[in-house]
Amino acid sequence: MTEIILRESALVEAVNQVAEREGLAGDDFVAEAVRHRLAVYRQKRIWAETETWYALPAETRKQFSGKFVAMFEGKVVDTDPDRLTLYYRIRERLGRRPVLIVEGGAQAMPVYRIRSPRHARGDDAR
């Protein structure tokens, strides 16, 4: 495994100061920050794959009815009628890379409405 070294002295100093205030070792602070950044990256990639899937013509998506589809780097890379089987096969093949697994078919992208209990009670009028 390649060791990663933080060479920018001002950044090292800032990391150590914040880590100390948070009660963490500097390397633990950096690891937490990197994990967060990787999660953001994966989320962006999944969103991009989602957009790519729903941008496909309905007739193309319809070919996959009754199956789950794995999208990676803008391409359908695998399908299976069982979501979990597909997940394990993709995980074995691609590791922890961000891969969208979506139900096949011509349905439109789902739209969710999230209602705030605060707004529903009228608390926003204060």
C-alpha atoms as a PDB file:
ATOM      1  CA  MET A   1       0.000   0.000   0.000  1.00  0.00           C
ATOM      2  CA  THR A   2       1.270   3.477  -0.847  1.00  0.00           C
ATOM      3  CA  GLU A   3       1.805   5.797   2.089  1.00  0.00           C
ATOM      4  CA  ILE A   4       0.266   9.240   1.681  1.00  0.00           C
ATOM      5  CA  ILE A   5       2.224  12.133   3.155  1.00  0.00           C
ATOM      6  CA  LEU A   6       0.796  15.576   3.792  1.00  0.00           C
ATOM      7  CA  ARG A   7       3.610  17.948   2.814  1.00  0.00           C
ATOM      8  CA  GLU A   8       1.912  21.349   2.955  1.00  0.00           C
ATOM      9  CA  SER A   9       3.114  22.643   6.332  1.00  0.00           C
ATOM     10  CA  ALA A  10       0.312  25.186   6.801  1.00  0.00           C
ATOM     11  CA  LEU A  11      -2.240  22.435   6.170  1.00  0.00           C
ATOM     12  CA  VAL A  12      -0.489  20.074   8.588  1.00  0.00           C
ATOM     13  CA  GLU A  13      -0.539  22.785  11.250  1.00  0.00           C
ATOM     14  CA  ALA A  14      -4.245  23.503  10.669  1.00  0.00           C
ATOM     15  CA  VAL A  15      -5.100  19.793  10.807  1.00  0.00           C
ATOM     16  CA  ASN A  16      -3.199  19.352  14.070  1.00  0.00           C
ATOM     17  CA  GLN A  17      -4.852  22.407  15.652  1.00  0.00           C
ATOM     18  CA  VAL A  18      -8.374  21.331  14.733  1.00  0.00           C
ATOM     19  CA  ALA A  19      -7.718  17.691  15.608  1.00  0.00           C
ATOM     20  CA  GLU A  20      -6.464  18.728  19.049  1.00  0.00           C
ATOM     21  CA  ARG A  21      -9.568  20.847  19.647  1.00  0.00           C
ATOM     22  CA  GLU A  22     -11.723  17.893  18.592  1.00  0.00           C
ATOM     23  CA  GLY A  23      -9.808  15.533  20.863  1.00  0.00           C
ATOM     24  CA  LEU A  24      -8.461  13.463  17.959  1.00  0.00           C
ATOM     25  CA  ALA A  25      -5.052  12.452  16.752  1.00  0.00           C
ATOM     26  CA  GLY A  26      -4.067  14.248  13.549  1.00  0.00           C
ATOM     27  CA  ASP A  27      -4.076  11.051  11.483  1.00  0.00           C
ATOM     28  CA  ASP A  28      -7.549  10.117  12.774  1.00  0.00           C
ATOM     29  CA  PHE A  29      -8.829  13.563  11.813  1.00  0.00           C
ATOM     30  CA  VAL A  30      -7.379  13.238   8.310  1.00  0.00           C
ATOM     31  CA  ALA A  31      -8.810   9.724   7.918  1.00  0.00           C
ATOM     32  CA  GLU A  32     -12.271  10.973   8.909  1.00  0.00           C
ATOM     33  CA  ALA A  33     -12.011  13.878   6.457  1.00  0.00           C
ATOM     34  CA  VAL A  34     -10.934  11.569   3.637  1.00  0.00           C
ATOM     35  CA  ARG A  35     -13.779   9.126   4.390  1.00  0.00           C
ATOM     36  CA  HIS A  36     -16.233  12.014   4.183  1.00  0.00           C
ATOM     37  CA  ARG A  37     -14.784  13.214   0.858  1.00  0.00           C
ATOM     38  CA  LEU A  38     -14.922   9.684  -0.569  1.00  0.00           C
ATOM     39  CA  ALA A  39     -18.583   9.397   0.457  1.00  0.00           C
ATOM     40  CA  VAL A  40     -19.347  12.682  -1.338  1.00  0.00           C
ATOM     41  CA  TYR A  41     -17.508  11.413  -4.422  1.00  0.00           C
ATOM     42  CA  ARG A  42     -19.458   8.126  -4.416  1.00  0.00           C
ATOM     43  CA  GLN A  43     -22.729  10.006  -4.049  1.00  0.00           C
ATOM     44  CA  LYS A  44     -21.892  12.188  -7.072  1.00  0.00           C
ATOM     45  CA  ARG A  45     -20.995   9.121  -9.149  1.00  0.00           C
ATOM     46  CA  ILE A  46     -24.241   7.323  -8.217  1.00  0.00           C
ATOM     47  CA  TRP A  47     -26.225  10.441  -9.140  1.00  0.00           C
ATOM     48  CA  ALA A  48     -24.425  10.621 -12.493  1.00  0.00           C
ATOM     49  CA  GLU A  49     -25.200   6.934 -13.157  1.00  0.00           C
ATOM     50  CA  THR A  50     -28.841   7.546 -12.188  1.00  0.00           C
ATOM     51  CA  GLU A  51     -29.105  10.422 -14.646  1.00  0.00           C
ATOM     52  CA  THR A  52     -27.497   8.294 -17.350  1.00  0.00           C
ATOM     53  CA  TRP A  53     -29.943   5.421 -16.734  1.00  0.00           C
ATOM     54  CA  TYR A  54     -33.042   7.609 -16.883  1.00  0.00           C
ATOM     55  CA  ALA A  55     -31.697   9.466 -19.939  1.00  0.00           C
ATOM     56  CA  LEU A  56     -31.767   6.194 -21.890  1.00  0.00           C
ATOM     57  CA  PRO A  57     -34.789   5.833 -24.152  1.00  0.00           C
ATOM     58  CA  ALA A  58     -37.758   4.138 -22.474  1.00  0.00           C
ATOM     59  CA  GLU A  59     -37.605   1.355 -25.075  1.00  0.00           C
ATOM     60  CA  THR A  60     -33.999   0.592 -24.113  1.00  0.00           C
ATOM     61  CA  ARG A  61     -34.819   0.541 -20.386  1.00  0.00           C
ATOM     62  CA  LYS A  62     -37.898  -1.586 -21.100  1.00  0.00           C
ATOM     63  CA  GLN A  63     -35.622  -4.396 -22.364  1.00  0.00           C
ATOM     64  CA  PHE A  64     -34.530  -4.880 -18.753  1.00  0.00           C
ATOM     65  CA  SER A  65     -38.031  -5.279 -17.259  1.00  0.00           C
ATOM     66  CA  GLY A  66     -38.096  -7.875 -14.505  1.00  0.00           C
ATOM     67  CA  LYS A  67     -34.374  -7.496 -13.845  1.00  0.00           C
ATOM     68  CA  PHE A  68     -32.087  -5.312 -11.825  1.00  0.00           C
ATOM     69  CA  VAL A  69     -29.464  -3.402 -13.755  1.00  0.00           C
ATOM     70  CA  ALA A  70     -25.946  -2.409 -12.699  1.00  0.00           C
ATOM     71  CA  MET A  71     -24.715   0.862 -14.252  1.00  0.00           C
ATOM     72  CA  PHE A  72     -21.021   1.726 -14.117  1.00  0.00           C
ATOM     73  CA  GLU A  73     -19.247   4.500 -15.999  1.00  0.00           C
ATOM     74  CA  GLY A  74     -22.348   5.178 -18.081  1.00  0.00           C
ATOM     75  CA  LYS A  75     -22.858   1.590 -19.231  1.00  0.00           C
ATOM     76  CA  VAL A  76     -25.022  -1.347 -18.253  1.00  0.00           C
ATOM     77  CA  VAL A  77     -22.413  -3.785 -16.945  1.00  0.00           C
ATOM     78  CA  ASP A  78     -24.613  -6.574 -15.593  1.00  0.00           C
ATOM     79  CA  THR A  79     -28.211  -7.608 -14.911  1.00  0.00           C
ATOM     80  CA  ASP A  80     -29.959 -10.159 -12.740  1.00  0.00           C
ATOM     81  CA  PRO A  81     -33.527 -10.844 -11.615  1.00  0.00           C
ATOM     82  CA  ASP A  82     -32.264 -10.888  -8.005  1.00  0.00           C
ATOM     83  CA  ARG A  83     -30.925  -7.598  -6.613  1.00  0.00           C
ATOM     84  CA  LEU A  84     -28.751  -9.222  -3.943  1.00  0.00           C
ATOM     85  CA  THR A  85     -27.186 -11.709  -6.376  1.00  0.00           C
ATOM     86  CA  LEU A  86     -26.354  -8.820  -8.694  1.00  0.00           C
ATOM     87  CA  TYR A  87     -24.933  -6.774  -5.818  1.00  0.00           C
ATOM     88  CA  TYR A  88     -22.586  -9.571  -4.712  1.00  0.00           C
ATOM     89  CA  ARG A  89     -21.446 -10.293  -8.256  1.00  0.00           C
ATOM     90  CA  ILE A  90     -20.742  -6.596  -8.919  1.00  0.00           C
ATOM     91  CA  ARG A  91     -19.002  -6.188  -5.565  1.00  0.00           C
ATOM     92  CA  GLU A  92     -16.749  -9.141  -6.367  1.00  0.00           C
ATOM     93  CA  ARG A  93     -15.980  -7.777  -9.827  1.00  0.00           C
ATOM     94  CA  LEU A  94     -15.644  -4.034  -9.117  1.00  0.00           C
ATOM     95  CA  GLY A  95     -14.952  -3.855  -5.392  1.00  0.00           C
ATOM     96  CA  ARG A  96     -16.162  -0.738  -3.607  1.00  0.00           C
ATOM     97  CA  ARG A  97     -16.455   1.395  -6.723  1.00  0.00           C
ATOM     98  CA  PRO A  98     -19.721   3.327  -6.974  1.00  0.00           C
ATOM     99  CA  VAL A  99     -22.158   1.288  -9.072  1.00  0.00           C
ATOM    100  CA  LEU A 100     -25.848   2.069  -9.477  1.00  0.00           C
ATOM    101  CA  ILE A 101     -28.174  -0.894  -9.095  1.00  0.00           C
ATOM    102  CA  VAL A 102     -31.643   0.001 -10.305  1.00  0.00           C
ATOM    103  CA  GLU A 103     -34.807  -1.856 -11.227  1.00  0.00           C
ATOM    104  CA  GLY A 104     -35.090  -2.232 -14.980  1.00  0.00           C
ATOM    105  CA  GLY A 105     -38.096  -1.097 -16.950  1.00  0.00           C
ATOM    106  CA  ALA A 106     -39.437   1.988 -18.674  1.00  0.00           C
ATOM    107  CA  GLN A 107     -40.733   3.742 -15.553  1.00  0.00           C
ATOM    108  CA  ALA A 108     -39.794   7.400 -15.095  1.00  0.00           C
ATOM    109  CA  MET A 109     -37.354   8.574 -12.455  1.00  0.00           C
ATOM    110  CA  PRO A 110     -39.147   8.597  -9.093  1.00  0.00           C
ATOM    111  CA  VAL A 111     -39.894  11.992  -7.590  1.00  0.00           C
ATOM    112  CA  TYR A 112     -40.027  12.295  -3.820  1.00  0.00           C
ATOM    113  CA  ARG A 113     -41.612  15.085  -1.850  1.00  0.00           C
ATOM    114  CA  ILE A 114     -40.243  15.579   1.601  1.00  0.00           C
ATOM    115  CA  ARG A 115     -42.520  17.483   3.884  1.00  0.00           C
ATOM    116  CA  SER A 116     -41.216  19.198   6.945  1.00  0.00           C
ATOM    117  CA  PRO A 117     -43.217  18.622  10.134  1.00  0.00           C
ATOM    118  CA  ARG A 118     -42.204  22.137  11.152  1.00  0.00           C
ATOM    119  CA  HIS A 119     -43.854  23.629   8.074  1.00  0.00           C
ATOM    120  CA  ALA A 120     -46.881  21.368   8.416  1.00  0.00           C
ATOM    121  CA  ARG A 121     -47.509  22.710  11.951  1.00  0.00           C
ATOM    122  CA  GLY A 122     -47.081  26.287  10.800  1.00  0.00           C
ATOM    123  CA  ASP A 123     -43.900  26.866  12.841  1.00  0.00           C
ATOM    124  CA  ASP A 124     -42.316  28.707   9.916  1.00  0.00           C
ATOM    125  CA  ALA A 125     -44.660  31.665  10.432  1.00  0.00           C
ATOM    126  CA  ARG A 126     -42.759  32.804  13.515  1.00  0.00           C
END
